[in-house]
Amino acid sequence: MACDIDELKHVPLFELLDEDELAVLAGQVEKRDFAARQRIFKIGDPAKSA
């Protein structure tokens, strides 16, 4: 599922992007939810996403 632009606006890393840039980024980002303390990366895993 694509990410909502409004969610990206609250991320400090993306605060300088304008609406058009946020729209492009939102189309390329998949939002995923994880449980607290759930491991999402392991040492040695291939770098597919971050």
N, C-alpha and C. Protein backbone atom coordinates (compact mmCIF):
# COMPACT_ATOMS: atom_id res chain seq x y z
N MET A 1 0.84 -1.17 0.00
CA MET A 1 0.00 0.00 0.00
C MET A 1 0.89 1.23 0.00
N ALA A 2 0.55 2.19 -0.82
CA ALA A 2 1.33 3.43 -0.88
C ALA A 2 1.16 4.23 0.40
N CYS A 3 2.12 5.05 0.68
CA CYS A 3 2.10 5.87 1.88
C CYS A 3 1.32 7.15 1.64
N ASP A 4 0.66 7.65 2.68
CA ASP A 4 -0.10 8.89 2.61
C ASP A 4 0.85 10.09 2.73
N ILE A 5 0.65 11.09 1.91
CA ILE A 5 1.50 12.28 1.91
C ILE A 5 1.50 12.95 3.28
N ASP A 6 0.36 12.99 3.93
CA ASP A 6 0.28 13.64 5.24
C ASP A 6 1.17 12.97 6.28
N GLU A 7 1.35 11.66 6.16
CA GLU A 7 2.24 10.96 7.09
C GLU A 7 3.70 11.35 6.85
N LEU A 8 4.06 11.53 5.59
CA LEU A 8 5.44 11.91 5.27
C LEU A 8 5.77 13.33 5.72
N LYS A 9 4.78 14.20 5.75
CA LYS A 9 5.01 15.59 6.17
C LYS A 9 5.51 15.68 7.60
N HIS A 10 5.22 14.68 8.42
CA HIS A 10 5.60 14.70 9.84
C HIS A 10 6.95 14.04 10.10
N VAL A 11 7.61 13.60 9.05
CA VAL A 11 8.93 12.98 9.20
C VAL A 11 9.99 14.07 8.98
N PRO A 12 10.80 14.35 10.01
CA PRO A 12 11.79 15.44 9.88
C PRO A 12 12.68 15.34 8.64
N LEU A 13 13.03 14.14 8.23
CA LEU A 13 13.88 13.96 7.06
C LEU A 13 13.25 14.54 5.79
N PHE A 14 11.93 14.57 5.73
CA PHE A 14 11.22 15.00 4.52
C PHE A 14 10.57 16.37 4.66
N GLU A 15 10.82 17.09 5.74
CA GLU A 15 10.09 18.34 5.98
C GLU A 15 10.39 19.45 4.98
N LEU A 16 11.49 19.37 4.26
CA LEU A 16 11.82 20.41 3.28
C LEU A 16 11.26 20.11 1.89
N LEU A 17 10.62 18.97 1.70
CA LEU A 17 10.06 18.62 0.40
C LEU A 17 8.74 19.36 0.16
N ASP A 18 8.51 19.75 -1.09
CA ASP A 18 7.23 20.40 -1.41
C ASP A 18 6.19 19.31 -1.73
N GLU A 19 4.97 19.75 -2.02
CA GLU A 19 3.86 18.81 -2.24
C GLU A 19 4.13 17.85 -3.40
N ASP A 20 4.71 18.36 -4.49
CA ASP A 20 4.99 17.50 -5.65
C ASP A 20 6.04 16.45 -5.31
N GLU A 21 7.07 16.86 -4.60
CA GLU A 21 8.12 15.91 -4.22
C GLU A 21 7.58 14.87 -3.24
N LEU A 22 6.74 15.29 -2.32
CA LEU A 22 6.12 14.36 -1.37
C LEU A 22 5.23 13.35 -2.10
N ALA A 23 4.53 13.82 -3.13
CA ALA A 23 3.66 12.93 -3.90
C ALA A 23 4.47 11.85 -4.61
N VAL A 24 5.61 12.24 -5.18
CA VAL A 24 6.48 11.26 -5.85
C VAL A 24 7.00 10.25 -4.83
N LEU A 25 7.47 10.75 -3.70
CA LEU A 25 7.98 9.87 -2.66
C LEU A 25 6.90 8.93 -2.13
N ALA A 26 5.72 9.46 -1.89
CA ALA A 26 4.62 8.64 -1.37
C ALA A 26 4.26 7.50 -2.32
N GLY A 27 4.40 7.74 -3.61
CA GLY A 27 4.11 6.69 -4.59
C GLY A 27 5.15 5.58 -4.61
N GLN A 28 6.31 5.83 -4.00
CA GLN A 28 7.39 4.84 -4.00
C GLN A 28 7.60 4.18 -2.64
N VAL A 29 6.83 4.63 -1.64
CA VAL A 29 7.00 4.14 -0.28
C VAL A 29 5.85 3.22 0.09
N GLU A 30 6.16 2.10 0.69
CA GLU A 30 5.14 1.19 1.19
C GLU A 30 5.17 1.26 2.72
N LYS A 31 4.06 1.62 3.31
CA LYS A 31 3.97 1.70 4.76
C LYS A 31 3.71 0.30 5.32
N ARG A 32 4.48 -0.05 6.32
CA ARG A 32 4.30 -1.34 7.00
C ARG A 32 4.29 -1.09 8.49
N ASP A 33 3.47 -1.81 9.20
CA ASP A 33 3.38 -1.70 10.65
C ASP A 33 4.04 -2.92 11.28
N PHE A 34 4.73 -2.68 12.40
CA PHE A 34 5.40 -3.75 13.13
C PHE A 34 5.01 -3.68 14.59
N ALA A 35 4.99 -4.82 15.23
CA ALA A 35 4.71 -4.87 16.66
C ALA A 35 5.92 -4.33 17.43
N ALA A 36 5.66 -3.85 18.62
CA ALA A 36 6.75 -3.37 19.47
C ALA A 36 7.76 -4.49 19.68
N ARG A 37 9.03 -4.16 19.56
CA ARG A 37 10.14 -5.08 19.76
C ARG A 37 10.22 -6.20 18.72
N GLN A 38 9.47 -6.10 17.64
CA GLN A 38 9.54 -7.09 16.57
C GLN A 38 10.81 -6.85 15.76
N ARG A 39 11.59 -7.90 15.55
CA ARG A 39 12.81 -7.79 14.75
C ARG A 39 12.42 -7.63 13.29
N ILE A 40 12.98 -6.61 12.65
CA ILE A 40 12.67 -6.38 11.24
C ILE A 40 13.88 -6.55 10.34
N PHE A 41 15.08 -6.55 10.93
CA PHE A 41 16.32 -6.81 10.18
C PHE A 41 17.19 -7.72 11.01
N LYS A 42 17.97 -8.56 10.34
CA LYS A 42 18.96 -9.40 10.99
C LYS A 42 20.32 -9.13 10.34
N ILE A 43 21.37 -9.29 11.10
CA ILE A 43 22.72 -9.15 10.55
C ILE A 43 22.89 -10.13 9.39
N GLY A 44 23.35 -9.64 8.28
CA GLY A 44 23.59 -10.50 7.12
C GLY A 44 22.42 -10.53 6.13
N ASP A 45 21.26 -9.97 6.50
CA ASP A 45 20.15 -9.93 5.56
C ASP A 45 20.52 -9.10 4.34
N PRO A 46 20.08 -9.51 3.15
CA PRO A 46 20.34 -8.69 1.96
C PRO A 46 19.61 -7.35 2.08
N ALA A 47 20.20 -6.31 1.55
CA ALA A 47 19.62 -4.97 1.62
C ALA A 47 18.58 -4.79 0.53
N LYS A 48 17.31 -5.09 0.85
CA LYS A 48 16.22 -4.93 -0.09
C LYS A 48 15.40 -3.69 0.19
N SER A 49 15.31 -3.32 1.46
CA SER A 49 14.50 -2.17 1.83
C SER A 49 15.01 -1.62 3.17
N ALA A 50 14.46 -0.48 3.54
CA ALA A 50 14.84 0.11 4.83
C ALA A 50 13.65 0.79 5.45
